[in-house]
Amino acid sequence: MRLPAKICGLATPDGVEAAVAGGAGFLGFNFYPPSPRFVEPEAAARLAAPARAAGVRICAITVDADDGLVDRIARTLDPDFIQLHGAEPPSRGAEVAARTGAGVIRALPVGEPADLAVALDWSEVADHLLLDARPPKGATLTGGLGVAFDWTLVRDFRPARPWFLAGGLDPWNVAEALEVSGAPMADVSSGVERGPGLKDPSLISAFLDAVRRARPQA
């Protein structure tokens, strides 16, 4: 059984191999050019092929992508999900789903309890939600910053859709994070890197082992 964990920002075969071998249920490829994890759709399609064959769900991470990029991703990668990590409103999420036939993961920044109310606006559009730490003031990226938020804020969060906990997770804190937050799934990017955008296969394996211990599989 695949683990309820997503390894995001993959860009090399060894990272993909470690994620698949470790049991990740989802892999994410980043199509936001300013990110150190950016890959072209054609490269992502090659990287994703062995993961797809192993039954792993493929996710395309975008930030306010225009129709041209969305169509190129859909045509080239054919992802299971397109993750919206910018300022997209629910209407844009519905457009992306209609254009691509892919599911939608909506990333939502969290810094205070009021931020969770936005999840209600996505209950009819998103297949999954992803709760990430609100970026620090002046940040140029919307995610992958290694910043955590107060996990107790979401302890009673019960949205209509399945959701990922993200933001500052790593092999050493993910088990505690899942326990404190009650999150059903975990998402990691910078927490399994040895440098910006450089995934470490040993850290990926350790992260997935920690998720496995926190979420025993039947």
Protein backbone atom coordinates (compact mmCIF):
# COMPACT_ATOMS: atom_id res chain seq x y z
CA MET A 1 0.00 0.00 0.00
CA ARG A 2 1.30 3.44 -0.96
CA LEU A 3 1.90 5.89 1.88
CA PRO A 4 -0.21 9.04 2.32
CA ALA A 5 2.83 11.20 1.58
CA LYS A 6 3.87 13.49 -1.27
CA ILE A 7 7.48 14.20 -2.18
CA CYS A 8 7.48 17.55 -3.99
CA GLY A 9 9.98 19.31 -6.21
CA LEU A 10 11.63 16.23 -7.67
CA ALA A 11 14.05 16.86 -10.52
CA THR A 12 16.42 13.87 -10.73
CA PRO A 13 16.05 10.13 -11.36
CA ASP A 14 17.66 9.18 -8.02
CA GLY A 15 15.15 11.30 -6.12
CA VAL A 16 12.25 9.73 -7.97
CA GLU A 17 13.69 6.26 -7.40
CA ALA A 18 14.00 6.84 -3.65
CA ALA A 19 10.46 8.21 -3.42
CA VAL A 20 8.98 5.27 -5.31
CA ALA A 21 11.02 2.68 -3.45
CA GLY A 22 10.12 4.28 -0.12
CA GLY A 23 6.40 4.02 -0.82
CA ALA A 24 5.39 7.62 -1.54
CA GLY A 25 1.83 7.87 -2.77
CA PHE A 26 2.33 11.13 -4.67
CA LEU A 27 5.20 12.80 -6.50
CA GLY A 28 5.25 16.50 -7.31
CA PHE A 29 7.04 18.26 -10.16
CA ASN A 30 7.46 22.02 -10.01
CA PHE A 31 6.65 24.21 -13.01
CA TYR A 32 7.27 27.61 -11.42
CA PRO A 33 10.42 29.06 -13.06
CA PRO A 34 11.71 31.08 -10.06
CA SER A 35 11.85 27.92 -7.95
CA PRO A 36 15.16 26.04 -7.61
CA ARG A 37 13.07 22.90 -8.17
CA PHE A 38 11.75 23.99 -11.57
CA VAL A 39 11.67 21.40 -14.35
CA GLU A 40 10.35 21.55 -17.91
CA PRO A 41 7.23 19.46 -18.58
CA GLU A 42 9.14 17.20 -20.98
CA ALA A 43 11.75 16.39 -18.32
CA ALA A 44 9.03 15.78 -15.75
CA ALA A 45 7.29 13.34 -18.08
CA ARG A 46 10.48 11.28 -18.38
CA LEU A 47 11.07 11.34 -14.63
CA ALA A 48 7.46 10.44 -13.85
CA ALA A 49 7.23 7.39 -16.12
CA PRO A 50 8.61 4.76 -13.67
CA ALA A 51 6.62 6.25 -10.79
CA ARG A 52 3.39 6.14 -12.76
CA ALA A 53 4.07 2.51 -13.66
CA ALA A 54 4.42 1.78 -9.92
CA GLY A 55 1.02 3.28 -9.16
CA VAL A 56 2.23 6.60 -7.76
CA ARG A 57 0.03 9.65 -8.37
CA ILE A 58 1.70 12.42 -10.37
CA CYS A 59 1.19 16.07 -9.38
CA ALA A 60 2.06 19.24 -11.29
CA ILE A 61 2.85 22.20 -9.04
CA THR A 62 1.94 25.56 -10.59
CA VAL A 63 1.79 29.17 -9.43
CA ASP A 64 -0.76 31.34 -11.27
CA ALA A 65 -0.03 29.46 -14.50
CA ASP A 66 -1.62 30.73 -17.70
CA ASP A 67 -3.65 28.56 -20.06
CA GLY A 68 -0.66 27.93 -22.31
CA LEU A 69 1.41 26.40 -19.53
CA VAL A 70 -1.52 24.47 -18.11
CA ASP A 71 -2.28 22.98 -21.53
CA ARG A 72 1.39 22.10 -22.10
CA ILE A 73 1.62 20.35 -18.73
CA ALA A 74 -1.58 18.42 -19.39
CA ARG A 75 -0.48 17.39 -22.89
CA THR A 76 3.09 16.46 -21.96
CA LEU A 77 2.88 15.08 -18.42
CA ASP A 78 -0.81 14.07 -18.15
CA PRO A 79 -0.76 14.53 -14.36
CA ASP A 80 -3.27 13.03 -11.99
CA PHE A 81 -3.45 16.36 -10.15
CA ILE A 82 -2.56 19.97 -10.82
CA GLN A 83 -1.60 21.83 -7.65
CA LEU A 84 -2.47 25.51 -7.51
CA HIS A 85 0.00 27.32 -5.26
CA GLY A 86 -0.59 30.95 -6.17
CA ALA A 87 -3.47 33.41 -5.80
CA GLU A 88 -5.88 31.43 -7.96
CA PRO A 89 -9.57 31.78 -6.99
CA PRO A 90 -11.94 28.79 -7.02
CA SER A 91 -13.20 29.80 -10.46
CA ARG A 92 -9.69 29.31 -11.84
CA GLY A 93 -9.49 25.93 -10.17
CA ALA A 94 -12.68 24.89 -11.95
CA GLU A 95 -11.26 26.14 -15.27
CA VAL A 96 -8.04 24.17 -14.80
CA ALA A 97 -9.95 21.00 -13.99
CA ALA A 98 -12.18 21.44 -17.04
CA ARG A 99 -9.25 22.18 -19.39
CA THR A 100 -7.10 19.27 -18.27
CA GLY A 101 -9.34 16.57 -16.86
CA ALA A 102 -6.92 16.39 -13.93
CA GLY A 103 -7.84 16.65 -10.29
CA VAL A 104 -7.02 19.83 -8.37
CA ILE A 105 -4.93 20.23 -5.22
CA ARG A 106 -5.33 23.67 -3.69
CA ALA A 107 -2.46 24.92 -1.52
CA LEU A 108 -3.61 27.34 1.17
CA PRO A 109 -1.29 29.46 3.34
CA VAL A 110 -1.90 29.20 7.07
CA GLY A 111 -0.73 31.56 9.76
CA GLU A 112 -3.81 32.04 11.94
CA PRO A 113 -7.18 30.32 12.50
CA ALA A 114 -9.01 32.69 10.13
CA ASP A 115 -6.96 31.35 7.22
CA LEU A 116 -8.79 28.03 7.42
CA ALA A 117 -12.10 29.61 6.40
CA VAL A 118 -10.84 29.83 2.81
CA ALA A 119 -11.02 26.05 2.61
CA LEU A 120 -14.81 26.27 2.48
CA ASP A 121 -14.59 28.16 -0.82
CA TRP A 122 -12.79 25.19 -2.36
CA SER A 123 -15.04 22.40 -1.11
CA GLU A 124 -16.74 21.96 -4.49
CA VAL A 125 -13.64 22.48 -6.65
CA ALA A 126 -10.54 20.90 -5.12
CA ASP A 127 -10.02 17.16 -4.81
CA HIS A 128 -7.43 17.74 -2.09
CA LEU A 129 -6.31 20.67 0.03
CA LEU A 130 -2.74 21.36 1.10
CA LEU A 131 -2.12 23.51 4.16
CA ASP A 132 1.26 25.22 4.02
CA ALA A 133 2.91 27.86 6.17
CA ARG A 134 2.22 31.42 5.13
CA PRO A 135 5.42 32.70 3.45
CA PRO A 136 7.45 35.24 5.42
CA LYS A 137 7.12 38.87 4.37
CA GLY A 138 9.23 39.54 1.31
CA ALA A 139 9.47 35.90 0.23
CA THR A 140 9.65 35.37 -3.52
CA LEU A 141 8.32 31.81 -3.42
CA THR A 142 4.93 30.59 -2.23
CA GLY A 143 6.16 27.28 -0.85
CA GLY A 144 9.18 25.06 -0.31
CA LEU A 145 10.64 27.50 2.19
CA GLY A 146 11.15 25.12 5.08
CA VAL A 147 8.87 27.18 7.32
CA ALA A 148 6.36 25.51 9.64
CA PHE A 149 3.18 26.87 11.17
CA ASP A 150 1.52 26.07 14.48
CA TRP A 151 0.18 22.55 13.94
CA THR A 152 -2.36 22.93 16.73
CA LEU A 153 -4.26 25.41 14.52
CA VAL A 154 -5.51 22.51 12.39
CA ARG A 155 -6.06 19.93 15.10
CA ASP A 156 -9.84 20.21 14.66
CA PHE A 157 -9.77 20.93 10.93
CA ARG A 158 -12.34 18.72 9.25
CA PRO A 159 -12.74 19.85 5.63
CA ALA A 160 -14.93 18.16 3.07
CA ARG A 161 -11.83 17.08 1.13
CA PRO A 162 -8.72 15.08 2.06
CA TRP A 163 -5.76 17.27 2.96
CA PHE A 164 -1.99 17.36 3.18
CA LEU A 165 0.02 19.00 5.94
CA ALA A 166 3.01 20.90 4.51
CA GLY A 167 5.53 23.49 5.62
CA GLY A 168 8.77 22.79 7.43
CA LEU A 169 8.34 19.02 7.65
CA ASP A 170 11.38 16.74 7.69
CA PRO A 171 12.28 13.19 8.76
CA TRP A 172 12.70 14.26 12.38
CA ASN A 173 9.42 16.10 12.96
CA VAL A 174 6.86 14.59 10.57
CA ALA A 175 5.64 11.94 13.00
CA GLU A 176 5.01 14.58 15.68
CA ALA A 177 3.44 16.90 13.11
CA LEU A 178 0.94 14.25 12.01
CA GLU A 179 0.11 13.40 15.62
CA VAL A 180 -0.38 17.01 16.74
CA SER A 181 -2.25 18.20 13.64
CA GLY A 182 -4.32 15.11 12.95
CA ALA A 183 -3.45 15.50 9.27
CA PRO A 184 -4.24 12.46 7.12
CA MET A 185 -1.37 13.13 4.65
CA ALA A 186 2.05 14.77 4.63
CA ASP A 187 3.88 16.82 1.98
CA VAL A 188 7.59 17.60 1.93
CA SER A 189 10.00 19.45 -0.32
CA SER A 190 12.92 21.33 1.25
CA GLY A 191 12.93 19.02 4.29
CA VAL A 192 14.46 16.23 2.21
CA GLU A 193 17.11 18.35 0.49
CA ARG A 194 20.85 18.80 1.09
CA GLY A 195 20.66 22.21 -0.61
CA PRO A 196 18.08 24.31 -2.45
CA GLY A 197 16.44 22.03 -5.01
CA LEU A 198 18.87 19.15 -4.36
CA LYS A 199 16.88 16.17 -3.14
CA ASP A 200 18.77 13.70 -0.94
CA PRO A 201 17.62 10.09 -1.52
CA SER A 202 18.58 9.08 2.02
CA LEU A 203 16.46 11.89 3.49
CA ILE A 204 13.54 10.93 1.26
CA SER A 205 13.78 7.36 2.52
CA ALA A 206 14.02 8.53 6.13
CA PHE A 207 11.00 10.81 5.73
CA LEU A 208 8.87 8.04 4.29
CA ASP A 209 10.00 5.64 7.03
CA ALA A 210 8.88 8.21 9.61
CA VAL A 211 5.48 8.57 7.92
CA ARG A 212 5.14 4.80 7.85
CA ARG A 213 5.79 4.61 11.61
CA ALA A 214 3.32 7.42 12.26
CA ARG A 215 0.69 5.91 9.98
CA PRO A 216 0.87 2.10 10.25
CA GLN A 217 -0.42 0.49 7.09
CA ALA A 218 -2.98 -2.33 7.18
